[in-house]
Amino acid sequence: MSAAFPEVLRKVYLPLLRGGLLTAALLVFVDVMKEMPITLMTRPFGWDTLSVRIFEMTSEGQWERAALPAVALVLTGFIPILLLSRYSSREP
């Protein structure tokens, strides 16, 4: 009976869970991209992420220089959401 479980998992449960798993992965990805406190604490010296660059530039008042990384961060989060919404609208 336990030999049938992997087949049932593959044929029944995974197709049902696919949308939820993709949505969860997308939400985690977007949240990690903009997470600041843990990034500031655990990053190696001399290595900055987009969110750290934006934070440093805006704290120094360099709004023009922070605009491009901020737009890149927004697009990094928006494009997967757009693709996921298109994908979810195609499924019944």
PDB file of N, CA and C in Angstrom:
ATOM      1  N   MET A   1       0.811  -1.194   0.000  1.00  0.00           N
ATOM      2  CA  MET A   1       0.000   0.000   0.000  1.00  0.00           C
ATOM      3  C   MET A   1       0.860   1.265   0.000  1.00  0.00           C
ATOM      4  N   SER A   2       2.004   1.224   0.660  1.00  0.00           N
ATOM      5  CA  SER A   2       2.859   2.406   0.685  1.00  0.00           C
ATOM      6  C   SER A   2       3.556   2.645  -0.648  1.00  0.00           C
ATOM      7  N   ALA A   3       3.629   1.632  -1.499  1.00  0.00           N
ATOM      8  CA  ALA A   3       4.254   1.802  -2.811  1.00  0.00           C
ATOM      9  C   ALA A   3       3.403   2.669  -3.720  1.00  0.00           C
ATOM     10  N   ALA A   4       2.098   2.741  -3.475  1.00  0.00           N
ATOM     11  CA  ALA A   4       1.209   3.542  -4.305  1.00  0.00           C
ATOM     12  C   ALA A   4       1.220   5.014  -3.894  1.00  0.00           C
ATOM     13  N   PHE A   5       1.705   5.286  -2.690  1.00  0.00           N
ATOM     14  CA  PHE A   5       1.675   6.675  -2.214  1.00  0.00           C
ATOM     15  C   PHE A   5       2.470   7.629  -3.091  1.00  0.00           C
ATOM     16  N   PRO A   6       3.711   7.312  -3.520  1.00  0.00           N
ATOM     17  CA  PRO A   6       4.424   8.258  -4.391  1.00  0.00           C
ATOM     18  C   PRO A   6       3.679   8.534  -5.698  1.00  0.00           C
ATOM     19  N   GLU A   7       3.026   7.527  -6.236  1.00  0.00           N
ATOM     20  CA  GLU A   7       2.274   7.735  -7.474  1.00  0.00           C
ATOM     21  C   GLU A   7       1.053   8.627  -7.234  1.00  0.00           C
ATOM     22  N   VAL A   8       0.358   8.398  -6.117  1.00  0.00           N
ATOM     23  CA  VAL A   8      -0.788   9.239  -5.777  1.00  0.00           C
ATOM     24  C   VAL A   8      -0.322  10.663  -5.506  1.00  0.00           C
ATOM     25  N   LEU A   9       0.802  10.798  -4.835  1.00  0.00           N
ATOM     26  CA  LEU A   9       1.356  12.130  -4.569  1.00  0.00           C
ATOM     27  C   LEU A   9       1.645  12.866  -5.870  1.00  0.00           C
ATOM     28  N   ARG A  10       2.257  12.162  -6.821  1.00  0.00           N
ATOM     29  CA  ARG A  10       2.628  12.785  -8.092  1.00  0.00           C
ATOM     30  C   ARG A  10       1.412  13.100  -8.952  1.00  0.00           C
ATOM     31  N   LYS A  11       0.450  12.204  -8.993  1.00  0.00           N
ATOM     32  CA  LYS A  11      -0.685  12.382  -9.899  1.00  0.00           C
ATOM     33  C   LYS A  11      -1.834  13.189  -9.324  1.00  0.00           C
ATOM     34  N   VAL A  12      -1.998  13.179  -8.012  1.00  0.00           N
ATOM     35  CA  VAL A  12      -3.157  13.837  -7.414  1.00  0.00           C
ATOM     36  C   VAL A  12      -2.767  15.086  -6.634  1.00  0.00           C
ATOM     37  N   TYR A  13      -1.902  14.907  -5.646  1.00  0.00           N
ATOM     38  CA  TYR A  13      -1.624  16.011  -4.728  1.00  0.00           C
ATOM     39  C   TYR A  13      -0.778  17.118  -5.339  1.00  0.00           C
ATOM     40  N   LEU A  14       0.282  16.789  -6.053  1.00  0.00           N
ATOM     41  CA  LEU A  14       1.147  17.838  -6.608  1.00  0.00           C
ATOM     42  C   LEU A  14       0.438  18.737  -7.621  1.00  0.00           C
ATOM     43  N   PRO A  15      -0.397  18.190  -8.528  1.00  0.00           N
ATOM     44  CA  PRO A  15      -1.135  19.114  -9.404  1.00  0.00           C
ATOM     45  C   PRO A  15      -2.083  20.038  -8.639  1.00  0.00           C
ATOM     46  N   LEU A  16      -2.663  19.544  -7.561  1.00  0.00           N
ATOM     47  CA  LEU A  16      -3.550  20.397  -6.765  1.00  0.00           C
ATOM     48  C   LEU A  16      -2.775  21.458  -5.991  1.00  0.00           C
ATOM     49  N   LEU A  17      -1.571  21.143  -5.575  1.00  0.00           N
ATOM     50  CA  LEU A  17      -0.763  22.055  -4.774  1.00  0.00           C
ATOM     51  C   LEU A  17       0.085  23.018  -5.597  1.00  0.00           C
ATOM     52  N   ARG A  18       0.186  22.793  -6.897  1.00  0.00           N
ATOM     53  CA  ARG A  18       1.102  23.577  -7.734  1.00  0.00           C
ATOM     54  C   ARG A  18       0.855  25.086  -7.623  1.00  0.00           C
ATOM     55  N   GLY A  19      -0.373  25.525  -7.742  1.00  0.00           N
ATOM     56  CA  GLY A  19      -0.657  26.967  -7.666  1.00  0.00           C
ATOM     57  C   GLY A  19      -0.298  27.553  -6.322  1.00  0.00           C
ATOM     58  N   GLY A  20      -0.639  26.853  -5.245  1.00  0.00           N
ATOM     59  CA  GLY A  20      -0.310  27.341  -3.910  1.00  0.00           C
ATOM     60  C   GLY A  20       1.178  27.371  -3.646  1.00  0.00           C
ATOM     61  N   LEU A  21       1.886  26.356  -4.131  1.00  0.00           N
ATOM     62  CA  LEU A  21       3.332  26.335  -3.948  1.00  0.00           C
ATOM     63  C   LEU A  21       4.017  27.447  -4.737  1.00  0.00           C
ATOM     64  N   LEU A  22       3.551  27.704  -5.956  1.00  0.00           N
ATOM     65  CA  LEU A  22       4.124  28.803  -6.748  1.00  0.00           C
ATOM     66  C   LEU A  22       3.858  30.149  -6.088  1.00  0.00           C
ATOM     67  N   THR A  23       2.652  30.320  -5.581  1.00  0.00           N
ATOM     68  CA  THR A  23       2.314  31.569  -4.904  1.00  0.00           C
ATOM     69  C   THR A  23       3.160  31.755  -3.655  1.00  0.00           C
ATOM     70  N   ALA A  24       3.317  30.709  -2.868  1.00  0.00           N
ATOM     71  CA  ALA A  24       4.136  30.794  -1.655  1.00  0.00           C
ATOM     72  C   ALA A  24       5.587  31.103  -1.993  1.00  0.00           C
ATOM     73  N   ALA A  25       6.120  30.450  -3.024  1.00  0.00           N
ATOM     74  CA  ALA A  25       7.501  30.715  -3.426  1.00  0.00           C
ATOM     75  C   ALA A  25       7.673  32.152  -3.897  1.00  0.00           C
ATOM     76  N   LEU A  26       6.687  32.668  -4.614  1.00  0.00           N
ATOM     77  CA  LEU A  26       6.754  34.049  -5.084  1.00  0.00           C
ATOM     78  C   LEU A  26       6.715  35.032  -3.924  1.00  0.00           C
ATOM     79  N   LEU A  27       5.837  34.808  -2.972  1.00  0.00           N
ATOM     80  CA  LEU A  27       5.763  35.699  -1.818  1.00  0.00           C
ATOM     81  C   LEU A  27       7.048  35.683  -1.002  1.00  0.00           C
ATOM     82  N   VAL A  28       7.637  34.526  -0.833  1.00  0.00           N
ATOM     83  CA  VAL A  28       8.906  34.440  -0.109  1.00  0.00           C
ATOM     84  C   VAL A  28       9.998  35.167  -0.882  1.00  0.00           C
ATOM     85  N   PHE A  29      10.045  34.983  -2.206  1.00  0.00           N
ATOM     86  CA  PHE A  29      11.052  35.650  -3.025  1.00  0.00           C
ATOM     87  C   PHE A  29      10.944  37.170  -2.913  1.00  0.00           C
ATOM     88  N   VAL A  30       9.733  37.700  -3.049  1.00  0.00           N
ATOM     89  CA  VAL A  30       9.543  39.151  -2.989  1.00  0.00           C
ATOM     90  C   VAL A  30       9.881  39.678  -1.600  1.00  0.00           C
ATOM     91  N   ASP A  31       9.488  38.957  -0.561  1.00  0.00           N
ATOM     92  CA  ASP A  31       9.772  39.412   0.797  1.00  0.00           C
ATOM     93  C   ASP A  31      11.273  39.382   1.090  1.00  0.00           C
ATOM     94  N   VAL A  32      11.968  38.376   0.610  1.00  0.00           N
ATOM     95  CA  VAL A  32      13.414  38.287   0.829  1.00  0.00           C
ATOM     96  C   VAL A  32      14.137  39.391   0.064  1.00  0.00           C
ATOM     97  N   MET A  33      13.640  39.743  -1.131  1.00  0.00           N
ATOM     98  CA  MET A  33      14.288  40.792  -1.921  1.00  0.00           C
ATOM     99  C   MET A  33      14.273  42.138  -1.212  1.00  0.00           C
ATOM    100  N   LYS A  34      13.246  42.416  -0.444  1.00  0.00           N
ATOM    101  CA  LYS A  34      13.158  43.731   0.194  1.00  0.00           C
ATOM    102  C   LYS A  34      13.448  43.703   1.690  1.00  0.00           C
ATOM    103  N   GLU A  35      13.885  42.582   2.207  1.00  0.00           N
ATOM    104  CA  GLU A  35      14.174  42.457   3.633  1.00  0.00           C
ATOM    105  C   GLU A  35      15.442  43.233   3.983  1.00  0.00           C
ATOM    106  N   MET A  36      15.336  44.155   4.921  1.00  0.00           N
ATOM    107  CA  MET A  36      16.475  44.995   5.270  1.00  0.00           C
ATOM    108  C   MET A  36      17.230  44.573   6.530  1.00  0.00           C
ATOM    109  N   PRO A  37      16.576  44.380   7.662  1.00  0.00           N
ATOM    110  CA  PRO A  37      17.358  44.151   8.886  1.00  0.00           C
ATOM    111  C   PRO A  37      18.273  42.933   8.812  1.00  0.00           C
ATOM    112  N   ILE A  38      17.776  41.808   8.323  1.00  0.00           N
ATOM    113  CA  ILE A  38      18.626  40.619   8.278  1.00  0.00           C
ATOM    114  C   ILE A  38      19.721  40.782   7.225  1.00  0.00           C
ATOM    115  N   THR A  39      19.439  41.510   6.152  1.00  0.00           N
ATOM    116  CA  THR A  39      20.456  41.757   5.131  1.00  0.00           C
ATOM    117  C   THR A  39      21.582  42.608   5.697  1.00  0.00           C
ATOM    118  N   LEU A  40      21.232  43.628   6.456  1.00  0.00           N
ATOM    119  CA  LEU A  40      22.257  44.489   7.032  1.00  0.00           C
ATOM    120  C   LEU A  40      23.110  43.753   8.061  1.00  0.00           C
ATOM    121  N   MET A  41      22.499  42.806   8.781  1.00  0.00           N
ATOM    122  CA  MET A  41      23.248  42.099   9.822  1.00  0.00           C
ATOM    123  C   MET A  41      24.124  40.983   9.272  1.00  0.00           C
ATOM    124  N   THR A  42      23.697  40.309   8.212  1.00  0.00           N
ATOM    125  CA  THR A  42      24.407  39.106   7.792  1.00  0.00           C
ATOM    126  C   THR A  42      25.221  39.265   6.509  1.00  0.00           C
ATOM    127  N   ARG A  43      25.235  40.417   5.905  1.00  0.00           N
ATOM    128  CA  ARG A  43      25.961  40.564   4.638  1.00  0.00           C
ATOM    129  C   ARG A  43      27.465  40.620   4.886  1.00  0.00           C
ATOM    130  N   PRO A  44      28.232  40.115   3.938  1.00  0.00           N
ATOM    131  CA  PRO A  44      29.692  40.228   4.047  1.00  0.00           C
ATOM    132  C   PRO A  44      30.121  41.681   3.821  1.00  0.00           C
ATOM    133  N   PHE A  45      31.254  42.049   4.359  1.00  0.00           N
ATOM    134  CA  PHE A  45      31.754  43.411   4.186  1.00  0.00           C
ATOM    135  C   PHE A  45      32.065  43.677   2.724  1.00  0.00           C
ATOM    136  N   GLY A  46      31.640  44.838   2.245  1.00  0.00           N
ATOM    137  CA  GLY A  46      31.909  45.232   0.873  1.00  0.00           C
ATOM    138  C   GLY A  46      30.940  44.652  -0.143  1.00  0.00           C
ATOM    139  N   TRP A  47      29.914  43.957   0.302  1.00  0.00           N
ATOM    140  CA  TRP A  47      28.944  43.346  -0.613  1.00  0.00           C
ATOM    141  C   TRP A  47      27.570  43.879  -0.274  1.00  0.00           C
ATOM    142  N   ASP A  48      26.950  44.578  -1.226  1.00  0.00           N
ATOM    143  CA  ASP A  48      25.661  45.202  -0.978  1.00  0.00           C
ATOM    144  C   ASP A  48      24.586  44.601  -1.871  1.00  0.00           C
ATOM    145  N   THR A  49      23.396  44.465  -1.328  1.00  0.00           N
ATOM    146  CA  THR A  49      22.241  44.072  -2.120  1.00  0.00           C
ATOM    147  C   THR A  49      21.544  45.331  -2.606  1.00  0.00           C
ATOM    148  N   LEU A  50      20.521  45.155  -3.440  1.00  0.00           N
ATOM    149  CA  LEU A  50      19.771  46.330  -3.912  1.00  0.00           C
ATOM    150  C   LEU A  50      19.148  47.090  -2.751  1.00  0.00           C
ATOM    151  N   SER A  51      18.561  46.377  -1.815  1.00  0.00           N
ATOM    152  CA  SER A  51      17.898  47.064  -0.707  1.00  0.00           C
ATOM    153  C   SER A  51      18.899  47.816   0.166  1.00  0.00           C
ATOM    154  N   VAL A  52      20.093  47.276   0.354  1.00  0.00           N
ATOM    155  CA  VAL A  52      21.116  47.970   1.138  1.00  0.00           C
ATOM    156  C   VAL A  52      21.591  49.218   0.398  1.00  0.00           C
ATOM    157  N   ARG A  53      21.781  49.112  -0.914  1.00  0.00           N
ATOM    158  CA  ARG A  53      22.194  50.301  -1.690  1.00  0.00           C
ATOM    159  C   ARG A  53      21.141  51.403  -1.613  1.00  0.00           C
ATOM    160  N   ILE A  54      19.883  51.014  -1.765  1.00  0.00           N
ATOM    161  CA  ILE A  54      18.801  52.001  -1.699  1.00  0.00           C
ATOM    162  C   ILE A  54      18.787  52.656  -0.326  1.00  0.00           C
ATOM    163  N   PHE A  55      18.924  51.855   0.722  1.00  0.00           N
ATOM    164  CA  PHE A  55      18.929  52.385   2.080  1.00  0.00           C
ATOM    165  C   PHE A  55      20.080  53.361   2.293  1.00  0.00           C
ATOM    166  N   GLU A  56      21.276  52.989   1.856  1.00  0.00           N
ATOM    167  CA  GLU A  56      22.435  53.860   2.051  1.00  0.00           C
ATOM    168  C   GLU A  56      22.302  55.162   1.276  1.00  0.00           C
ATOM    169  N   MET A  57      21.849  55.068   0.025  1.00  0.00           N
ATOM    170  CA  MET A  57      21.727  56.286  -0.787  1.00  0.00           C
ATOM    171  C   MET A  57      20.641  57.219  -0.271  1.00  0.00           C
ATOM    172  N   THR A  58      19.507  56.668   0.132  1.00  0.00           N
ATOM    173  CA  THR A  58      18.437  57.548   0.625  1.00  0.00           C
ATOM    174  C   THR A  58      18.766  58.118   1.992  1.00  0.00           C
ATOM    175  N   SER A  59      19.514  57.390   2.817  1.00  0.00           N
ATOM    176  CA  SER A  59      19.880  57.939   4.123  1.00  0.00           C
ATOM    177  C   SER A  59      20.894  59.071   3.985  1.00  0.00           C
ATOM    178  N   GLU A  60      21.633  59.091   2.866  1.00  0.00           N
ATOM    179  CA  GLU A  60      22.572  60.184   2.610  1.00  0.00           C
ATOM    180  C   GLU A  60      21.945  61.300   1.784  1.00  0.00           C
ATOM    181  N   GLY A  61      20.662  61.153   1.440  1.00  0.00           N
ATOM    182  CA  GLY A  61      19.974  62.188   0.676  1.00  0.00           C
ATOM    183  C   GLY A  61      20.233  62.140  -0.815  1.00  0.00           C
ATOM    184  N   GLN A  62      20.731  61.065  -1.333  1.00  0.00           N
ATOM    185  CA  GLN A  62      21.023  60.928  -2.761  1.00  0.00           C
ATOM    186  C   GLN A  62      19.840  60.249  -3.461  1.00  0.00           C
ATOM    187  N   TRP A  63      18.750  60.958  -3.540  1.00  0.00           N
ATOM    188  CA  TRP A  63      17.511  60.388  -4.071  1.00  0.00           C
ATOM    189  C   TRP A  63      17.614  60.026  -5.548  1.00  0.00           C
ATOM    190  N   GLU A  64      18.319  60.836  -6.324  1.00  0.00           N
ATOM    191  CA  GLU A  64      18.449  60.548  -7.754  1.00  0.00           C
ATOM    192  C   GLU A  64      19.237  59.266  -7.997  1.00  0.00           C
ATOM    193  N   ARG A  65      20.293  59.065  -7.229  1.00  0.00           N
ATOM    194  CA  ARG A  65      21.109  57.852  -7.390  1.00  0.00           C
ATOM    195  C   ARG A  65      20.387  56.615  -6.877  1.00  0.00           C
ATOM    196  N   ALA A  66      19.450  56.781  -5.944  1.00  0.00           N
ATOM    197  CA  ALA A  66      18.718  55.641  -5.396  1.00  0.00           C
ATOM    198  C   ALA A  66      17.539  55.231  -6.278  1.00  0.00           C
ATOM    199  N   ALA A  67      17.183  56.074  -7.243  1.00  0.00           N
ATOM    200  CA  ALA A  67      15.985  55.802  -8.050  1.00  0.00           C
ATOM    201  C   ALA A  67      16.137  54.550  -8.908  1.00  0.00           C
ATOM    202  N   LEU A  68      17.255  54.382  -9.589  1.00  0.00           N
ATOM    203  CA  LEU A  68      17.418  53.222 -10.462  1.00  0.00           C
ATOM    204  C   LEU A  68      17.437  51.891  -9.695  1.00  0.00           C
ATOM    205  N   PRO A  69      18.196  51.780  -8.597  1.00  0.00           N
ATOM    206  CA  PRO A  69      18.092  50.529  -7.828  1.00  0.00           C
ATOM    207  C   PRO A  69      16.691  50.300  -7.254  1.00  0.00           C
ATOM    208  N   ALA A  70      15.987  51.361  -6.885  1.00  0.00           N
ATOM    209  CA  ALA A  70      14.635  51.206  -6.359  1.00  0.00           C
ATOM    210  C   ALA A  70      13.678  50.694  -7.435  1.00  0.00           C
ATOM    211  N   VAL A  71      13.807  51.216  -8.638  1.00  0.00           N
ATOM    212  CA  VAL A  71      12.966  50.730  -9.742  1.00  0.00           C
ATOM    213  C   VAL A  71      13.309  49.274 -10.059  1.00  0.00           C
ATOM    214  N   ALA A  72      14.591  48.935 -10.019  1.00  0.00           N
ATOM    215  CA  ALA A  72      14.989  47.544 -10.263  1.00  0.00           C
ATOM    216  C   ALA A  72      14.408  46.617  -9.200  1.00  0.00           C
ATOM    217  N   LEU A  73      14.386  47.056  -7.951  1.00  0.00           N
ATOM    218  CA  LEU A  73      13.813  46.249  -6.879  1.00  0.00           C
ATOM    219  C   LEU A  73      12.314  46.079  -7.061  1.00  0.00           C
ATOM    220  N   VAL A  74      11.633  47.132  -7.452  1.00  0.00           N
ATOM    221  CA  VAL A  74      10.190  47.044  -7.688  1.00  0.00           C
ATOM    222  C   VAL A  74       9.898  46.113  -8.857  1.00  0.00           C
ATOM    223  N   LEU A  75      10.642  46.232  -9.940  1.00  0.00           N
ATOM    224  CA  LEU A  75      10.433  45.354 -11.098  1.00  0.00           C
ATOM    225  C   LEU A  75      10.775  43.901 -10.776  1.00  0.00           C
ATOM    226  N   THR A  76      11.788  43.691  -9.946  1.00  0.00           N
ATOM    227  CA  THR A  76      12.137  42.336  -9.540  1.00  0.00           C
ATOM    228  C   THR A  76      10.988  41.674  -8.796  1.00  0.00           C
ATOM    229  N   GLY A  77      10.241  42.441  -8.043  1.00  0.00           N
ATOM    230  CA  GLY A  77       9.076  41.893  -7.358  1.00  0.00           C
ATOM    231  C   GLY A  77       7.828  41.872  -8.207  1.00  0.00           C
ATOM    232  N   PHE A  78       7.701  42.818  -9.136  1.00  0.00           N
ATOM    233  CA  PHE A  78       6.467  42.941  -9.919  1.00  0.00           C
ATOM    234  C   PHE A  78       6.383  41.945 -11.071  1.00  0.00           C
ATOM    235  N   ILE A  79       7.482  41.702 -11.741  1.00  0.00           N
ATOM    236  CA  ILE A  79       7.462  40.813 -12.907  1.00  0.00           C
ATOM    237  C   ILE A  79       7.039  39.391 -12.533  1.00  0.00           C
ATOM    238  N   PRO A  80       7.582  38.787 -11.463  1.00  0.00           N
ATOM    239  CA  PRO A  80       7.079  37.451 -11.108  1.00  0.00           C
ATOM    240  C   PRO A  80       5.602  37.448 -10.723  1.00  0.00           C
ATOM    241  N   ILE A  81       5.134  38.496 -10.082  1.00  0.00           N
ATOM    242  CA  ILE A  81       3.712  38.566  -9.725  1.00  0.00           C
ATOM    243  C   ILE A  81       2.864  38.661 -10.985  1.00  0.00           C
ATOM    244  N   LEU A  82       3.285  39.430 -11.946  1.00  0.00           N
ATOM    245  CA  LEU A  82       2.564  39.535 -13.206  1.00  0.00           C
ATOM    246  C   LEU A  82       2.524  38.186 -13.928  1.00  0.00           C
ATOM    247  N   LEU A  83       3.654  37.509 -13.986  1.00  0.00           N
ATOM    248  CA  LEU A  83       3.699  36.195 -14.633  1.00  0.00           C
ATOM    249  C   LEU A  83       2.827  35.184 -13.899  1.00  0.00           C
ATOM    250  N   LEU A  84       2.837  35.223 -12.585  1.00  0.00           N
ATOM    251  CA  LEU A  84       2.008  34.295 -11.821  1.00  0.00           C
ATOM    252  C   LEU A  84       0.526  34.577 -12.006  1.00  0.00           C
ATOM    253  N   SER A  85       0.152  35.841 -12.084  1.00  0.00           N
ATOM    254  CA  SER A  85      -1.264  36.160 -12.295  1.00  0.00           C
ATOM    255  C   SER A  85      -1.719  35.727 -13.685  1.00  0.00           C
ATOM    256  N   ARG A  86      -0.850  35.844 -14.678  1.00  0.00           N
ATOM    257  CA  ARG A  86      -1.188  35.343 -16.016  1.00  0.00           C
ATOM    258  C   ARG A  86      -1.315  33.829 -16.010  1.00  0.00           C
ATOM    259  N   TYR A  87      -0.393  33.171 -15.299  1.00  0.00           N
ATOM    260  CA  TYR A  87      -0.419  31.709 -15.230  1.00  0.00           C
ATOM    261  C   TYR A  87      -1.676  31.215 -14.502  1.00  0.00           C
ATOM    262  N   SER A  88      -2.048  31.884 -13.433  1.00  0.00           N
ATOM    263  CA  SER A  88      -3.208  31.432 -12.662  1.00  0.00           C
ATOM    264  C   SER A  88      -4.515  31.732 -13.381  1.00  0.00           C
ATOM    265  N   SER A  89      -4.550  32.736 -14.244  1.00  0.00           N
ATOM    266  CA  SER A  89      -5.784  33.033 -14.973  1.00  0.00           C
ATOM    267  C   SER A  89      -6.023  32.034 -16.092  1.00  0.00           C
ATOM    268  N   ARG A  90      -4.987  31.321 -16.553  1.00  0.00           N
ATOM    269  CA  ARG A  90      -5.152  30.311 -17.612  1.00  0.00           C
ATOM    270  C   ARG A  90      -5.701  29.007 -17.096  1.00  0.00           C
ATOM    271  N   GLU A  91      -5.404  28.681 -15.842  1.00  0.00           N
ATOM    272  CA  GLU A  91      -5.876  27.393 -15.284  1.00  0.00           C
ATOM    273  C   GLU A  91      -7.340  27.490 -14.886  1.00  0.00           C
ATOM    274  N   PRO A  92      -8.078  26.382 -15.043  1.00  0.00           N
ATOM    275  CA  PRO A  92      -9.499  26.411 -14.648  1.00  0.00           C
ATOM    276  C   PRO A  92      -9.693  26.474 -13.163  1.00  0.00           C
TER     277      PRO A  92
END
